Amino acid sequence: MKPVQYFNDEYLQQSRKASPEQVLAYLEQFRLMQDPTRKSSKPISKLISLKVPQDMLTAFRAKCDMRGEKYQTKIKELMKQWIES
């Protein structure tokens, strides 16, 4: 079952200001997302569960926040660096 998207008045007013080029770009991006034959450029990700000491996770997330980085992305970057070293 596909989800239904509801649009508020503010969004609809903003959408009316879109240029024809912006509308075409949006529709093309939407088409590509819905295409079941599309091959993703990203590798398939696997959801894992990992136990980490609470204080370590809190400090790691705080440091990522200070740097404006997403903490899960940073974990993946560090894993990749370790594998490549």
N, C-alpha and C. Protein backbone atom coordinates (compact mmCIF):
# COMPACT_ATOMS: atom_id res chain seq x y z
N MET A 1 0.84 -1.17 0.00
CA MET A 1 0.00 0.00 0.00
C MET A 1 0.89 1.24 0.00
N LYS A 2 0.68 2.12 -0.94
CA LYS A 2 1.48 3.33 -1.04
C LYS A 2 0.93 4.40 -0.10
N PRO A 3 1.84 5.17 0.53
CA PRO A 3 1.37 6.23 1.43
C PRO A 3 0.73 7.36 0.64
N VAL A 4 -0.15 8.07 1.30
CA VAL A 4 -0.81 9.22 0.71
C VAL A 4 -0.14 10.47 1.27
N GLN A 5 0.18 11.40 0.38
CA GLN A 5 0.82 12.64 0.82
C GLN A 5 -0.22 13.74 0.83
N TYR A 6 -0.27 14.48 1.93
CA TYR A 6 -1.18 15.60 2.06
C TYR A 6 -0.37 16.89 1.98
N PHE A 7 -0.88 17.88 1.31
CA PHE A 7 -0.19 19.15 1.14
C PHE A 7 -0.92 20.24 1.92
N ASN A 8 -0.16 21.01 2.70
CA ASN A 8 -0.78 22.13 3.40
C ASN A 8 -0.83 23.34 2.48
N ASP A 9 -1.58 24.36 2.86
CA ASP A 9 -1.77 25.55 2.03
C ASP A 9 -0.44 26.26 1.75
N GLU A 10 0.44 26.33 2.74
CA GLU A 10 1.73 27.00 2.56
C GLU A 10 2.55 26.30 1.47
N TYR A 11 2.58 24.98 1.50
CA TYR A 11 3.32 24.23 0.49
C TYR A 11 2.73 24.45 -0.90
N LEU A 12 1.42 24.44 -0.99
CA LEU A 12 0.78 24.64 -2.29
C LEU A 12 1.06 26.03 -2.84
N GLN A 13 1.05 27.05 -1.99
CA GLN A 13 1.36 28.41 -2.44
C GLN A 13 2.80 28.49 -2.93
N GLN A 14 3.71 27.86 -2.22
CA GLN A 14 5.12 27.86 -2.62
C GLN A 14 5.28 27.13 -3.95
N SER A 15 4.56 26.04 -4.14
CA SER A 15 4.67 25.25 -5.37
C SER A 15 4.17 26.01 -6.58
N ARG A 16 3.19 26.87 -6.39
CA ARG A 16 2.66 27.66 -7.51
C ARG A 16 3.69 28.62 -8.08
N LYS A 17 4.71 28.96 -7.29
CA LYS A 17 5.76 29.89 -7.73
C LYS A 17 6.86 29.19 -8.53
N ALA A 18 6.80 27.88 -8.63
CA ALA A 18 7.86 27.14 -9.32
C ALA A 18 7.83 27.42 -10.82
N SER A 19 9.02 27.52 -11.39
CA SER A 19 9.13 27.74 -12.84
C SER A 19 8.85 26.42 -13.56
N PRO A 20 8.54 26.48 -14.86
CA PRO A 20 8.34 25.24 -15.61
C PRO A 20 9.56 24.31 -15.53
N GLU A 21 10.77 24.88 -15.53
CA GLU A 21 11.98 24.06 -15.43
C GLU A 21 12.06 23.35 -14.08
N GLN A 22 11.67 24.05 -13.01
CA GLN A 22 11.68 23.43 -11.68
C GLN A 22 10.65 22.31 -11.59
N VAL A 23 9.50 22.51 -12.19
CA VAL A 23 8.45 21.49 -12.19
C VAL A 23 8.94 20.26 -12.96
N LEU A 24 9.54 20.47 -14.13
CA LEU A 24 10.05 19.35 -14.92
C LEU A 24 11.15 18.60 -14.18
N ALA A 25 12.04 19.33 -13.51
CA ALA A 25 13.11 18.68 -12.74
C ALA A 25 12.51 17.84 -11.61
N TYR A 26 11.51 18.38 -10.92
CA TYR A 26 10.84 17.65 -9.84
C TYR A 26 10.19 16.37 -10.37
N LEU A 27 9.46 16.51 -11.47
CA LEU A 27 8.77 15.35 -12.03
C LEU A 27 9.76 14.28 -12.48
N GLU A 28 10.89 14.68 -13.06
CA GLU A 28 11.90 13.72 -13.49
C GLU A 28 12.51 13.00 -12.29
N GLN A 29 12.80 13.74 -11.24
CA GLN A 29 13.35 13.12 -10.02
C GLN A 29 12.34 12.16 -9.41
N PHE A 30 11.08 12.54 -9.40
CA PHE A 30 10.04 11.67 -8.86
C PHE A 30 9.91 10.40 -9.70
N ARG A 31 9.96 10.55 -11.03
CA ARG A 31 9.87 9.39 -11.92
C ARG A 31 11.02 8.43 -11.66
N LEU A 32 12.21 8.96 -11.50
CA LEU A 32 13.37 8.10 -11.26
C LEU A 32 13.26 7.36 -9.93
N MET A 33 12.69 8.02 -8.92
CA MET A 33 12.52 7.37 -7.62
C MET A 33 11.52 6.22 -7.69
N GLN A 34 10.51 6.36 -8.55
CA GLN A 34 9.45 5.36 -8.63
C GLN A 34 9.77 4.23 -9.60
N ASP A 35 10.81 4.36 -10.41
CA ASP A 35 11.15 3.38 -11.44
C ASP A 35 11.70 2.11 -10.80
N PRO A 36 10.98 1.00 -10.86
CA PRO A 36 11.44 -0.24 -10.22
C PRO A 36 12.67 -0.84 -10.90
N THR A 37 12.95 -0.45 -12.14
CA THR A 37 14.12 -0.99 -12.86
C THR A 37 15.38 -0.18 -12.59
N ARG A 38 15.24 0.95 -11.89
CA ARG A 38 16.38 1.83 -11.61
C ARG A 38 17.36 1.12 -10.70
N LYS A 39 18.60 1.17 -11.08
CA LYS A 39 19.65 0.61 -10.23
C LYS A 39 20.21 1.73 -9.37
N SER A 40 20.22 1.51 -8.09
CA SER A 40 20.70 2.52 -7.16
C SER A 40 22.20 2.68 -7.29
N SER A 41 22.66 3.92 -7.21
CA SER A 41 24.10 4.17 -7.26
C SER A 41 24.74 3.91 -5.90
N LYS A 42 23.94 3.81 -4.86
CA LYS A 42 24.44 3.54 -3.52
C LYS A 42 24.46 2.03 -3.28
N PRO A 43 25.47 1.55 -2.57
CA PRO A 43 25.46 0.14 -2.21
C PRO A 43 24.33 -0.14 -1.20
N ILE A 44 23.89 -1.35 -1.17
CA ILE A 44 22.82 -1.74 -0.24
C ILE A 44 23.37 -1.66 1.19
N SER A 45 22.60 -1.06 2.07
CA SER A 45 22.99 -0.94 3.47
C SER A 45 22.31 -2.02 4.30
N LYS A 46 22.96 -2.41 5.36
CA LYS A 46 22.44 -3.42 6.27
C LYS A 46 22.26 -2.79 7.64
N LEU A 47 21.06 -2.90 8.19
CA LEU A 47 20.78 -2.38 9.52
C LEU A 47 21.41 -3.31 10.55
N ILE A 48 22.18 -2.73 11.48
CA ILE A 48 22.80 -3.53 12.53
C ILE A 48 22.44 -2.95 13.89
N SER A 49 22.65 -3.76 14.90
CA SER A 49 22.48 -3.31 16.28
C SER A 49 23.86 -3.42 16.93
N LEU A 50 24.26 -2.37 17.61
CA LEU A 50 25.61 -2.31 18.17
C LEU A 50 25.54 -1.75 19.58
N LYS A 51 26.11 -2.47 20.52
CA LYS A 51 26.14 -1.97 21.90
C LYS A 51 27.39 -1.16 22.10
N VAL A 52 27.21 0.07 22.57
CA VAL A 52 28.30 1.01 22.81
C VAL A 52 28.06 1.62 24.18
N PRO A 53 29.11 1.81 24.98
CA PRO A 53 28.92 2.47 26.27
C PRO A 53 28.23 3.82 26.09
N GLN A 54 27.25 4.10 26.94
CA GLN A 54 26.43 5.30 26.83
C GLN A 54 27.27 6.57 26.82
N ASP A 55 28.28 6.65 27.71
CA ASP A 55 29.08 7.86 27.77
C ASP A 55 29.91 8.07 26.50
N MET A 56 30.38 6.97 25.91
CA MET A 56 31.14 7.08 24.66
C MET A 56 30.25 7.57 23.53
N LEU A 57 29.05 7.02 23.43
CA LEU A 57 28.12 7.44 22.38
C LEU A 57 27.71 8.90 22.56
N THR A 58 27.45 9.30 23.80
CA THR A 58 27.06 10.69 24.07
C THR A 58 28.18 11.64 23.67
N ALA A 59 29.42 11.31 24.02
CA ALA A 59 30.56 12.17 23.68
C ALA A 59 30.76 12.20 22.16
N PHE A 60 30.64 11.05 21.51
CA PHE A 60 30.82 10.97 20.05
C PHE A 60 29.78 11.80 19.33
N ARG A 61 28.51 11.66 19.74
CA ARG A 61 27.43 12.44 19.12
C ARG A 61 27.62 13.93 19.36
N ALA A 62 28.06 14.31 20.56
CA ALA A 62 28.27 15.73 20.88
C ALA A 62 29.37 16.30 20.00
N LYS A 63 30.46 15.55 19.82
CA LYS A 63 31.55 16.03 18.97
C LYS A 63 31.09 16.16 17.52
N CYS A 64 30.31 15.21 17.04
CA CYS A 64 29.77 15.30 15.68
C CYS A 64 28.85 16.51 15.54
N ASP A 65 28.02 16.75 16.55
CA ASP A 65 27.13 17.92 16.52
C ASP A 65 27.93 19.22 16.45
N MET A 66 29.01 19.30 17.22
CA MET A 66 29.84 20.51 17.21
C MET A 66 30.47 20.74 15.84
N ARG A 67 30.77 19.67 15.14
CA ARG A 67 31.39 19.78 13.82
C ARG A 67 30.36 19.84 12.70
N GLY A 68 29.09 19.71 13.05
CA GLY A 68 28.04 19.74 12.03
C GLY A 68 28.00 18.48 11.20
N GLU A 69 28.41 17.35 11.79
CA GLU A 69 28.44 16.08 11.08
C GLU A 69 27.37 15.15 11.65
N LYS A 70 26.86 14.27 10.81
CA LYS A 70 25.91 13.26 11.27
C LYS A 70 26.72 12.11 11.87
N TYR A 71 26.34 11.68 13.06
CA TYR A 71 27.17 10.71 13.76
C TYR A 71 27.21 9.35 13.10
N GLN A 72 26.11 8.90 12.51
CA GLN A 72 26.13 7.60 11.85
C GLN A 72 26.99 7.65 10.59
N THR A 73 26.94 8.75 9.88
CA THR A 73 27.79 8.93 8.70
C THR A 73 29.25 8.91 9.12
N LYS A 74 29.58 9.55 10.24
CA LYS A 74 30.95 9.58 10.73
C LYS A 74 31.42 8.18 11.11
N ILE A 75 30.57 7.38 11.73
CA ILE A 75 30.92 6.01 12.07
C ILE A 75 31.27 5.24 10.79
N LYS A 76 30.45 5.40 9.74
CA LYS A 76 30.72 4.70 8.47
C LYS A 76 32.03 5.17 7.86
N GLU A 77 32.31 6.48 7.93
CA GLU A 77 33.57 7.00 7.39
C GLU A 77 34.76 6.39 8.13
N LEU A 78 34.67 6.32 9.46
CA LEU A 78 35.76 5.75 10.25
C LEU A 78 35.95 4.27 9.94
N MET A 79 34.86 3.55 9.75
CA MET A 79 34.96 2.13 9.40
C MET A 79 35.66 1.96 8.05
N LYS A 80 35.29 2.79 7.09
CA LYS A 80 35.89 2.73 5.76
C LYS A 80 37.38 3.03 5.82
N GLN A 81 37.75 4.08 6.58
CA GLN A 81 39.18 4.42 6.74
C GLN A 81 39.96 3.26 7.34
N TRP A 82 39.38 2.61 8.33
CA TRP A 82 40.06 1.50 8.99
C TRP A 82 40.24 0.33 8.03
N ILE A 83 39.23 0.04 7.25
CA ILE A 83 39.31 -1.06 6.28
C ILE A 83 40.39 -0.76 5.23
N GLU A 84 40.45 0.47 4.77
CA GLU A 84 41.38 0.85 3.71
C GLU A 84 42.82 1.02 4.20
N SER A 85 43.01 1.10 5.53
CA SER A 85 44.38 1.30 6.05
C SER A 85 45.13 -0.01 6.20
